Amino acid sequence: MAYDVRAFVWTAREAHERSTGAIFVALVAPAVFTTSIADMGAALVTLLVAVKTRNVLLAMVVGRISVLGLRWLQGNI
């Protein structure tokens, strides 16, 4: 019985591409949901900017500014 190796390689590559996002979410989600409301709000703002603009640098800058602003509003600075 012969197997097509190219089909397996494509499946492995596809699995690798999809698993990196899942691993990232698995590492970030506990840190986001065990922090303050300000940090959760900043994570949401960062996610929305990243999805909307597809610009990671802009999302990081906006996320950091939103963390500082929301913590200031909450009185934690």
PDB file of N, CA and C in Angstrom:
ATOM      1  N   MET A   1       0.838  -1.173   0.000  1.00  0.00           N
ATOM      2  CA  MET A   1       0.000   0.000   0.000  1.00  0.00           C
ATOM      3  C   MET A   1       0.887   1.241   0.000  1.00  0.00           C
ATOM      4  N   ALA A   2       0.647   2.155  -0.911  1.00  0.00           N
ATOM      5  CA  ALA A   2       1.463   3.356  -1.033  1.00  0.00           C
ATOM      6  C   ALA A   2       0.742   4.540  -0.398  1.00  0.00           C
ATOM      7  N   TYR A   3       1.524   5.383   0.257  1.00  0.00           N
ATOM      8  CA  TYR A   3       0.984   6.585   0.882  1.00  0.00           C
ATOM      9  C   TYR A   3       1.527   7.805   0.166  1.00  0.00           C
ATOM     10  N   ASP A   4       0.723   8.816   0.076  1.00  0.00           N
ATOM     11  CA  ASP A   4       1.154  10.061  -0.531  1.00  0.00           C
ATOM     12  C   ASP A   4       1.772  10.937   0.560  1.00  0.00           C
ATOM     13  N   VAL A   5       3.074  11.096   0.527  1.00  0.00           N
ATOM     14  CA  VAL A   5       3.789  11.845   1.559  1.00  0.00           C
ATOM     15  C   VAL A   5       3.435  13.322   1.496  1.00  0.00           C
ATOM     16  N   ARG A   6       3.192  13.858   0.313  1.00  0.00           N
ATOM     17  CA  ARG A   6       2.871  15.282   0.181  1.00  0.00           C
ATOM     18  C   ARG A   6       1.581  15.638   0.924  1.00  0.00           C
ATOM     19  N   ALA A   7       0.620  14.744   0.940  1.00  0.00           N
ATOM     20  CA  ALA A   7      -0.623  15.004   1.662  1.00  0.00           C
ATOM     21  C   ALA A   7      -0.356  15.112   3.157  1.00  0.00           C
ATOM     22  N   PHE A   8       0.530  14.285   3.677  1.00  0.00           N
ATOM     23  CA  PHE A   8       0.861  14.342   5.097  1.00  0.00           C
ATOM     24  C   PHE A   8       1.633  15.616   5.431  1.00  0.00           C
ATOM     25  N   VAL A   9       2.562  16.014   4.571  1.00  0.00           N
ATOM     26  CA  VAL A   9       3.344  17.219   4.820  1.00  0.00           C
ATOM     27  C   VAL A   9       2.435  18.443   4.830  1.00  0.00           C
ATOM     28  N   TRP A  10       1.501  18.523   3.914  1.00  0.00           N
ATOM     29  CA  TRP A  10       0.576  19.652   3.887  1.00  0.00           C
ATOM     30  C   TRP A  10      -0.279  19.664   5.154  1.00  0.00           C
ATOM     31  N   THR A  11      -0.716  18.512   5.603  1.00  0.00           N
ATOM     32  CA  THR A  11      -1.522  18.434   6.814  1.00  0.00           C
ATOM     33  C   THR A  11      -0.698  18.851   8.028  1.00  0.00           C
ATOM     34  N   ALA A  12       0.548  18.426   8.103  1.00  0.00           N
ATOM     35  CA  ALA A  12       1.402  18.803   9.229  1.00  0.00           C
ATOM     36  C   ALA A  12       1.679  20.305   9.219  1.00  0.00           C
ATOM     37  N   ARG A  13       1.918  20.872   8.057  1.00  0.00           N
ATOM     38  CA  ARG A  13       2.160  22.315   7.962  1.00  0.00           C
ATOM     39  C   ARG A  13       0.918  23.088   8.382  1.00  0.00           C
ATOM     40  N   GLU A  14      -0.216  22.644   7.937  1.00  0.00           N
ATOM     41  CA  GLU A  14      -1.472  23.302   8.303  1.00  0.00           C
ATOM     42  C   GLU A  14      -1.717  23.210   9.807  1.00  0.00           C
ATOM     43  N   ALA A  15      -1.442  22.052  10.385  1.00  0.00           N
ATOM     44  CA  ALA A  15      -1.606  21.876  11.833  1.00  0.00           C
ATOM     45  C   ALA A  15      -0.655  22.790  12.600  1.00  0.00           C
ATOM     46  N   HIS A  16       0.539  22.940  12.116  1.00  0.00           N
ATOM     47  CA  HIS A  16       1.503  23.819  12.775  1.00  0.00           C
ATOM     48  C   HIS A  16       1.036  25.267  12.732  1.00  0.00           C
ATOM     49  N   GLU A  17       0.539  25.713  11.589  1.00  0.00           N
ATOM     50  CA  GLU A  17       0.069  27.092  11.469  1.00  0.00           C
ATOM     51  C   GLU A  17      -1.115  27.362  12.388  1.00  0.00           C
ATOM     52  N   ARG A  18      -1.986  26.415  12.526  1.00  0.00           N
ATOM     53  CA  ARG A  18      -3.160  26.619  13.376  1.00  0.00           C
ATOM     54  C   ARG A  18      -2.838  26.459  14.852  1.00  0.00           C
ATOM     55  N   SER A  19      -1.878  25.624  15.187  1.00  0.00           N
ATOM     56  CA  SER A  19      -1.583  25.385  16.594  1.00  0.00           C
ATOM     57  C   SER A  19      -0.855  26.562  17.228  1.00  0.00           C
ATOM     58  N   THR A  20      -0.116  27.351  16.455  1.00  0.00           N
ATOM     59  CA  THR A  20       0.588  28.476  17.055  1.00  0.00           C
ATOM     60  C   THR A  20      -0.388  29.495  17.645  1.00  0.00           C
ATOM     61  N   GLY A  21      -1.468  29.763  16.960  1.00  0.00           N
ATOM     62  CA  GLY A  21      -2.477  30.673  17.503  1.00  0.00           C
ATOM     63  C   GLY A  21      -3.148  30.111  18.738  1.00  0.00           C
ATOM     64  N   ALA A  22      -3.424  28.828  18.732  1.00  0.00           N
ATOM     65  CA  ALA A  22      -4.060  28.194  19.889  1.00  0.00           C
ATOM     66  C   ALA A  22      -3.131  28.209  21.101  1.00  0.00           C
ATOM     67  N   ILE A  23      -1.853  27.981  20.872  1.00  0.00           N
ATOM     68  CA  ILE A  23      -0.890  28.014  21.975  1.00  0.00           C
ATOM     69  C   ILE A  23      -0.767  29.426  22.524  1.00  0.00           C
ATOM     70  N   PHE A  24      -0.759  30.417  21.657  1.00  0.00           N
ATOM     71  CA  PHE A  24      -0.680  31.805  22.103  1.00  0.00           C
ATOM     72  C   PHE A  24      -1.883  32.165  22.973  1.00  0.00           C
ATOM     73  N   VAL A  25      -3.059  31.784  22.534  1.00  0.00           N
ATOM     74  CA  VAL A  25      -4.270  32.064  23.319  1.00  0.00           C
ATOM     75  C   VAL A  25      -4.224  31.326  24.651  1.00  0.00           C
ATOM     76  N   ALA A  26      -3.744  30.095  24.651  1.00  0.00           N
ATOM     77  CA  ALA A  26      -3.654  29.330  25.894  1.00  0.00           C
ATOM     78  C   ALA A  26      -2.685  29.962  26.890  1.00  0.00           C
ATOM     79  N   LEU A  27      -1.668  30.623  26.404  1.00  0.00           N
ATOM     80  CA  LEU A  27      -0.721  31.278  27.297  1.00  0.00           C
ATOM     81  C   LEU A  27      -1.200  32.650  27.762  1.00  0.00           C
ATOM     82  N   VAL A  28      -1.897  33.371  26.906  1.00  0.00           N
ATOM     83  CA  VAL A  28      -2.300  34.741  27.230  1.00  0.00           C
ATOM     84  C   VAL A  28      -3.613  34.791  28.012  1.00  0.00           C
ATOM     85  N   ALA A  29      -4.556  33.933  27.705  1.00  0.00           N
ATOM     86  CA  ALA A  29      -5.890  34.007  28.313  1.00  0.00           C
ATOM     87  C   ALA A  29      -5.870  33.932  29.845  1.00  0.00           C
ATOM     88  N   PRO A  30      -5.139  33.020  30.472  1.00  0.00           N
ATOM     89  CA  PRO A  30      -5.139  33.017  31.940  1.00  0.00           C
ATOM     90  C   PRO A  30      -4.580  34.305  32.536  1.00  0.00           C
ATOM     91  N   ALA A  31      -3.585  34.878  31.896  1.00  0.00           N
ATOM     92  CA  ALA A  31      -3.023  36.126  32.406  1.00  0.00           C
ATOM     93  C   ALA A  31      -4.009  37.276  32.272  1.00  0.00           C
ATOM     94  N   VAL A  32      -4.803  37.263  31.222  1.00  0.00           N
ATOM     95  CA  VAL A  32      -5.780  38.337  31.021  1.00  0.00           C
ATOM     96  C   VAL A  32      -6.929  38.225  32.011  1.00  0.00           C
ATOM     97  N   PHE A  33      -7.428  37.020  32.226  1.00  0.00           N
ATOM     98  CA  PHE A  33      -8.625  36.859  33.040  1.00  0.00           C
ATOM     99  C   PHE A  33      -8.359  36.770  34.539  1.00  0.00           C
ATOM    100  N   THR A  34      -7.106  36.814  34.958  1.00  0.00           N
ATOM    101  CA  THR A  34      -6.813  36.801  36.390  1.00  0.00           C
ATOM    102  C   THR A  34      -6.268  38.140  36.856  1.00  0.00           C
ATOM    103  N   THR A  35      -6.437  39.172  36.066  1.00  0.00           N
ATOM    104  CA  THR A  35      -5.939  40.505  36.424  1.00  0.00           C
ATOM    105  C   THR A  35      -7.116  41.425  36.708  1.00  0.00           C
ATOM    106  N   SER A  36      -6.833  42.692  36.796  1.00  0.00           N
ATOM    107  CA  SER A  36      -7.869  43.671  37.114  1.00  0.00           C
ATOM    108  C   SER A  36      -8.754  43.955  35.903  1.00  0.00           C
ATOM    109  N   ILE A  37      -9.827  44.664  36.164  1.00  0.00           N
ATOM    110  CA  ILE A  37     -10.756  45.058  35.106  1.00  0.00           C
ATOM    111  C   ILE A  37     -10.058  45.959  34.089  1.00  0.00           C
ATOM    112  N   ALA A  38      -9.159  46.820  34.570  1.00  0.00           N
ATOM    113  CA  ALA A  38      -8.437  47.719  33.667  1.00  0.00           C
ATOM    114  C   ALA A  38      -7.576  46.919  32.690  1.00  0.00           C
ATOM    115  N   ASP A  39      -6.908  45.888  33.169  1.00  0.00           N
ATOM    116  CA  ASP A  39      -6.067  45.078  32.289  1.00  0.00           C
ATOM    117  C   ASP A  39      -6.903  44.272  31.297  1.00  0.00           C
ATOM    118  N   MET A  40      -8.052  43.796  31.745  1.00  0.00           N
ATOM    119  CA  MET A  40      -8.934  43.079  30.813  1.00  0.00           C
ATOM    120  C   MET A  40      -9.467  44.019  29.732  1.00  0.00           C
ATOM    121  N   GLY A  41      -9.824  45.233  30.127  1.00  0.00           N
ATOM    122  CA  GLY A  41     -10.287  46.214  29.148  1.00  0.00           C
ATOM    123  C   GLY A  41      -9.202  46.581  28.153  1.00  0.00           C
ATOM    124  N   ALA A  42      -7.975  46.727  28.647  1.00  0.00           N
ATOM    125  CA  ALA A  42      -6.856  47.043  27.761  1.00  0.00           C
ATOM    126  C   ALA A  42      -6.581  45.888  26.801  1.00  0.00           C
ATOM    127  N   ALA A  43      -6.713  44.660  27.277  1.00  0.00           N
ATOM    128  CA  ALA A  43      -6.532  43.501  26.395  1.00  0.00           C
ATOM    129  C   ALA A  43      -7.593  43.487  25.301  1.00  0.00           C
ATOM    130  N   LEU A  44      -8.809  43.843  25.647  1.00  0.00           N
ATOM    131  CA  LEU A  44      -9.874  43.904  24.653  1.00  0.00           C
ATOM    132  C   LEU A  44      -9.622  44.999  23.626  1.00  0.00           C
ATOM    133  N   VAL A  45      -9.189  46.161  24.088  1.00  0.00           N
ATOM    134  CA  VAL A  45      -8.866  47.260  23.181  1.00  0.00           C
ATOM    135  C   VAL A  45      -7.728  46.855  22.247  1.00  0.00           C
ATOM    136  N   THR A  46      -6.709  46.215  22.800  1.00  0.00           N
ATOM    137  CA  THR A  46      -5.571  45.768  21.995  1.00  0.00           C
ATOM    138  C   THR A  46      -6.003  44.762  20.944  1.00  0.00           C
ATOM    139  N   LEU A  47      -6.845  43.829  21.335  1.00  0.00           N
ATOM    140  CA  LEU A  47      -7.337  42.830  20.392  1.00  0.00           C
ATOM    141  C   LEU A  47      -8.145  43.478  19.273  1.00  0.00           C
ATOM    142  N   LEU A  48      -9.007  44.411  19.622  1.00  0.00           N
ATOM    143  CA  LEU A  48      -9.821  45.079  18.609  1.00  0.00           C
ATOM    144  C   LEU A  48      -8.963  45.880  17.631  1.00  0.00           C
ATOM    145  N   VAL A  49      -7.952  46.570  18.140  1.00  0.00           N
ATOM    146  CA  VAL A  49      -7.070  47.340  17.255  1.00  0.00           C
ATOM    147  C   VAL A  49      -6.272  46.405  16.356  1.00  0.00           C
ATOM    148  N   ALA A  50      -5.795  45.294  16.914  1.00  0.00           N
ATOM    149  CA  ALA A  50      -5.018  44.348  16.114  1.00  0.00           C
ATOM    150  C   ALA A  50      -5.859  43.727  15.009  1.00  0.00           C
ATOM    151  N   VAL A  51      -7.094  43.373  15.319  1.00  0.00           N
ATOM    152  CA  VAL A  51      -7.964  42.761  14.309  1.00  0.00           C
ATOM    153  C   VAL A  51      -8.379  43.782  13.262  1.00  0.00           C
ATOM    154  N   LYS A  52      -8.695  44.990  13.709  1.00  0.00           N
ATOM    155  CA  LYS A  52      -9.184  46.009  12.782  1.00  0.00           C
ATOM    156  C   LYS A  52      -8.090  46.521  11.843  1.00  0.00           C
ATOM    157  N   THR A  53      -6.885  46.769  12.373  1.00  0.00           N
ATOM    158  CA  THR A  53      -5.841  47.386  11.570  1.00  0.00           C
ATOM    159  C   THR A  53      -4.823  46.396  11.011  1.00  0.00           C
ATOM    160  N   ARG A  54      -4.731  45.207  11.594  1.00  0.00           N
ATOM    161  CA  ARG A  54      -3.708  44.213  11.208  1.00  0.00           C
ATOM    162  C   ARG A  54      -2.297  44.770  11.384  1.00  0.00           C
ATOM    163  N   ASN A  55      -2.139  45.686  12.335  1.00  0.00           N
ATOM    164  CA  ASN A  55      -0.844  46.305  12.611  1.00  0.00           C
ATOM    165  C   ASN A  55      -0.479  45.988  14.063  1.00  0.00           C
ATOM    166  N   VAL A  56       0.483  45.105  14.245  1.00  0.00           N
ATOM    167  CA  VAL A  56       0.836  44.649  15.584  1.00  0.00           C
ATOM    168  C   VAL A  56       1.490  45.763  16.393  1.00  0.00           C
ATOM    169  N   LEU A  57       2.342  46.551  15.764  1.00  0.00           N
ATOM    170  CA  LEU A  57       3.008  47.632  16.481  1.00  0.00           C
ATOM    171  C   LEU A  57       2.000  48.659  16.986  1.00  0.00           C
ATOM    172  N   LEU A  58       1.063  49.038  16.148  1.00  0.00           N
ATOM    173  CA  LEU A  58       0.024  49.981  16.564  1.00  0.00           C
ATOM    174  C   LEU A  58      -0.810  49.388  17.697  1.00  0.00           C
ATOM    175  N   ALA A  59      -1.133  48.102  17.604  1.00  0.00           N
ATOM    176  CA  ALA A  59      -1.910  47.456  18.655  1.00  0.00           C
ATOM    177  C   ALA A  59      -1.160  47.455  19.978  1.00  0.00           C
ATOM    178  N   MET A  60       0.156  47.232  19.935  1.00  0.00           N
ATOM    179  CA  MET A  60       0.937  47.242  21.171  1.00  0.00           C
ATOM    180  C   MET A  60       0.978  48.629  21.792  1.00  0.00           C
ATOM    181  N   VAL A  61       1.147  49.654  20.966  1.00  0.00           N
ATOM    182  CA  VAL A  61       1.200  51.022  21.483  1.00  0.00           C
ATOM    183  C   VAL A  61      -0.156  51.424  22.068  1.00  0.00           C
ATOM    184  N   VAL A  62      -1.225  51.160  21.336  1.00  0.00           N
ATOM    185  CA  VAL A  62      -2.564  51.495  21.822  1.00  0.00           C
ATOM    186  C   VAL A  62      -2.888  50.684  23.079  1.00  0.00           C
ATOM    187  N   GLY A  63      -2.468  49.436  23.114  1.00  0.00           N
ATOM    188  CA  GLY A  63      -2.702  48.600  24.291  1.00  0.00           C
ATOM    189  C   GLY A  63      -1.993  49.130  25.518  1.00  0.00           C
ATOM    190  N   ARG A  64      -0.755  49.550  25.350  1.00  0.00           N
ATOM    191  CA  ARG A  64      -0.006  50.081  26.492  1.00  0.00           C
ATOM    192  C   ARG A  64      -0.619  51.388  26.980  1.00  0.00           C
ATOM    193  N   ILE A  65      -1.013  52.241  26.057  1.00  0.00           N
ATOM    194  CA  ILE A  65      -1.643  53.501  26.444  1.00  0.00           C
ATOM    195  C   ILE A  65      -2.975  53.239  27.140  1.00  0.00           C
ATOM    196  N   SER A  66      -3.723  52.259  26.652  1.00  0.00           N
ATOM    197  CA  SER A  66      -5.012  51.957  27.287  1.00  0.00           C
ATOM    198  C   SER A  66      -4.814  51.342  28.667  1.00  0.00           C
ATOM    199  N   VAL A  67      -3.766  50.551  28.878  1.00  0.00           N
ATOM    200  CA  VAL A  67      -3.470  50.030  30.220  1.00  0.00           C
ATOM    201  C   VAL A  67      -3.217  51.183  31.171  1.00  0.00           C
ATOM    202  N   LEU A  68      -2.359  52.102  30.752  1.00  0.00           N
ATOM    203  CA  LEU A  68      -2.054  53.237  31.626  1.00  0.00           C
ATOM    204  C   LEU A  68      -3.293  54.083  31.895  1.00  0.00           C
ATOM    205  N   GLY A  69      -4.064  54.350  30.851  1.00  0.00           N
ATOM    206  CA  GLY A  69      -5.262  55.174  31.029  1.00  0.00           C
ATOM    207  C   GLY A  69      -6.314  54.511  31.904  1.00  0.00           C
ATOM    208  N   LEU A  70      -6.561  53.237  31.675  1.00  0.00           N
ATOM    209  CA  LEU A  70      -7.577  52.549  32.482  1.00  0.00           C
ATOM    210  C   LEU A  70      -7.129  52.345  33.928  1.00  0.00           C
ATOM    211  N   ARG A  71      -5.836  52.093  34.123  1.00  0.00           N
ATOM    212  CA  ARG A  71      -5.344  51.986  35.506  1.00  0.00           C
ATOM    213  C   ARG A  71      -5.427  53.333  36.205  1.00  0.00           C
ATOM    214  N   TRP A  72      -5.175  54.420  35.469  1.00  0.00           N
ATOM    215  CA  TRP A  72      -5.279  55.758  36.050  1.00  0.00           C
ATOM    216  C   TRP A  72      -6.723  56.043  36.438  1.00  0.00           C
ATOM    217  N   LEU A  73      -7.663  55.696  35.550  1.00  0.00           N
ATOM    218  CA  LEU A  73      -9.085  55.898  35.861  1.00  0.00           C
ATOM    219  C   LEU A  73      -9.521  55.058  37.054  1.00  0.00           C
ATOM    220  N   GLN A  74      -8.947  53.890  37.176  1.00  0.00           N
ATOM    221  CA  GLN A  74      -9.291  53.007  38.285  1.00  0.00           C
ATOM    222  C   GLN A  74      -8.586  53.424  39.589  1.00  0.00           C
ATOM    223  N   GLY A  75      -7.565  54.253  39.471  1.00  0.00           N
ATOM    224  CA  GLY A  75      -6.846  54.722  40.649  1.00  0.00           C
ATOM    225  C   GLY A  75      -5.725  53.802  41.083  1.00  0.00           C
ATOM    226  N   ASN A  76      -5.205  52.998  40.189  1.00  0.00           N
ATOM    227  CA  ASN A  76      -4.142  52.052  40.541  1.00  0.00           C
ATOM    228  C   ASN A  76      -2.755  52.515  40.151  1.00  0.00           C
ATOM    229  N   ILE A  77      -2.609  53.752  39.708  1.00  0.00           N
ATOM    230  CA  ILE A  77      -1.269  54.229  39.352  1.00  0.00           C
ATOM    231  C   ILE A  77      -0.741  55.081  40.473  1.00  0.00           C
TER     232      ILE A  77
END
